């Protein structure tokens, strides 16, 4: 299996993130899907020993919930997205980003 990595990540003006991959695939991910699939423990929950934490999702979204303020690289394996509502704890690894782009997540 080859190591896939993004060659370019770009936010578009029409509410999408375009990812150009090393295998020449191009994914267009809506910011809504990207935020809804945030992999952090606050959004997805977590398991600690034998207890599971499942977050309660509010039907109300804060202003800027689906808007990106900035994107930072995390080493050579992920990006961290800072959303305009202040949320920034999700680390999107290349594998997670690819799965979201392929609609497998």
Protein backbone atom coordinates (compact mmCIF):
# COMPACT_ATOMS: atom_id res chain seq x y z
CA UNK A 1 0.00 0.00 0.00
CA UNK A 2 1.37 3.38 -0.96
CA UNK A 3 1.58 6.30 1.42
CA UNK A 4 -0.94 8.90 0.35
CA UNK A 5 -0.47 12.53 1.25
CA UNK A 6 -1.97 15.78 0.04
CA UNK A 7 -0.03 17.84 -2.47
CA UNK A 8 -2.38 20.80 -1.98
CA UNK A 9 -5.19 21.72 0.42
CA UNK A 10 -7.23 24.75 -0.52
CA UNK A 11 -10.40 26.36 0.82
CA UNK A 12 -12.69 27.42 -2.00
CA UNK A 13 -15.10 30.35 -2.10
CA UNK A 14 -18.10 28.03 -2.44
CA UNK A 15 -17.79 26.37 0.99
CA UNK A 16 -15.51 23.45 0.17
CA UNK A 17 -12.04 22.15 0.88
CA UNK A 18 -10.23 20.84 -2.19
CA UNK A 19 -7.55 18.22 -1.54
CA UNK A 20 -5.16 17.17 -4.31
CA UNK A 21 -3.56 13.84 -3.39
CA UNK A 22 -0.22 12.26 -4.32
CA UNK A 23 -2.08 9.61 -6.37
CA UNK A 24 -3.61 12.43 -8.50
CA UNK A 25 -7.06 12.06 -6.93
CA UNK A 26 -8.88 15.31 -6.13
CA UNK A 27 -11.49 15.43 -3.37
CA UNK A 28 -13.92 18.27 -2.81
CA UNK A 29 -15.23 18.13 0.75
CA UNK A 30 -17.95 20.49 1.91
CA UNK A 31 -17.09 22.42 5.06
CA UNK A 32 -20.34 21.11 6.56
CA UNK A 33 -19.21 17.50 6.11
CA UNK A 34 -15.70 18.32 7.31
CA UNK A 35 -16.98 19.90 10.54
CA UNK A 36 -19.63 17.22 11.11
CA UNK A 37 -16.87 14.60 10.84
CA UNK A 38 -14.51 16.37 13.25
CA UNK A 39 -12.49 13.54 14.84
CA UNK A 40 -11.94 15.14 18.27
CA UNK A 41 -13.25 13.60 21.49
CA UNK A 42 -15.67 16.48 22.04
CA UNK A 43 -17.34 15.79 18.70
CA UNK A 44 -16.97 12.01 18.26
CA UNK A 45 -16.70 10.87 21.86
CA UNK A 46 -14.10 8.61 23.38
CA UNK A 47 -13.61 5.38 25.31
CA UNK A 48 -11.71 5.30 28.60
CA UNK A 49 -11.12 1.84 30.04
CA UNK A 50 -14.67 0.41 30.09
CA UNK A 51 -16.60 3.67 29.86
CA UNK A 52 -17.74 5.34 26.66
CA UNK A 53 -18.37 9.03 26.38
CA UNK A 54 -20.83 9.98 23.65
CA UNK A 55 -21.25 13.73 23.20
CA UNK A 56 -24.69 15.29 23.10
CA UNK A 57 -25.16 17.14 19.82
CA UNK A 58 -27.02 20.40 20.06
CA UNK A 59 -29.44 21.26 17.25
CA UNK A 60 -28.22 24.85 17.52
CA UNK A 61 -24.99 25.84 15.81
CA UNK A 62 -22.93 28.84 16.92
CA UNK A 63 -22.09 31.57 14.43
CA UNK A 64 -19.09 30.45 12.39
CA UNK A 65 -19.72 26.76 13.11
CA UNK A 66 -19.11 25.78 9.48
CA UNK A 67 -16.55 28.48 8.64
CA UNK A 68 -12.78 28.01 8.72
CA UNK A 69 -10.59 30.74 10.17
CA UNK A 70 -7.29 28.93 9.49
CA UNK A 71 -5.68 25.58 8.78
CA UNK A 72 -2.36 24.51 10.29
CA UNK A 73 -0.18 21.53 9.47
CA UNK A 74 0.51 18.99 12.21
CA UNK A 75 3.84 17.38 11.46
CA UNK A 76 3.81 15.50 8.17
CA UNK A 77 0.65 13.55 8.91
CA UNK A 78 -2.33 15.83 9.54
CA UNK A 79 -3.97 19.24 9.61
CA UNK A 80 -5.65 21.09 12.44
CA UNK A 81 -8.63 23.21 11.46
CA UNK A 82 -9.54 26.31 13.43
CA UNK A 83 -13.25 27.04 13.02
CA UNK A 84 -14.67 30.55 13.41
CA UNK A 85 -16.78 29.50 16.41
CA UNK A 86 -13.56 28.84 18.35
CA UNK A 87 -13.42 25.04 17.97
CA UNK A 88 -9.94 23.77 17.06
CA UNK A 89 -9.28 20.45 18.78
CA UNK A 90 -9.81 18.19 15.77
CA UNK A 91 -6.71 16.73 14.15
CA UNK A 92 -7.50 15.45 10.64
CA UNK A 93 -4.87 12.85 9.75
CA UNK A 94 -4.30 12.12 6.06
CA UNK A 95 -6.19 8.82 6.49
CA UNK A 96 -9.21 10.52 8.06
CA UNK A 97 -9.17 13.31 5.47
CA UNK A 98 -9.03 10.74 2.67
CA UNK A 99 -11.91 8.72 4.19
CA UNK A 100 -14.03 11.85 4.47
CA UNK A 101 -13.21 12.74 0.87
CA UNK A 102 -14.15 9.26 -0.31
CA UNK A 103 -17.39 9.49 1.70
CA UNK A 104 -16.39 6.44 3.71
CA UNK A 105 -16.67 8.30 6.99
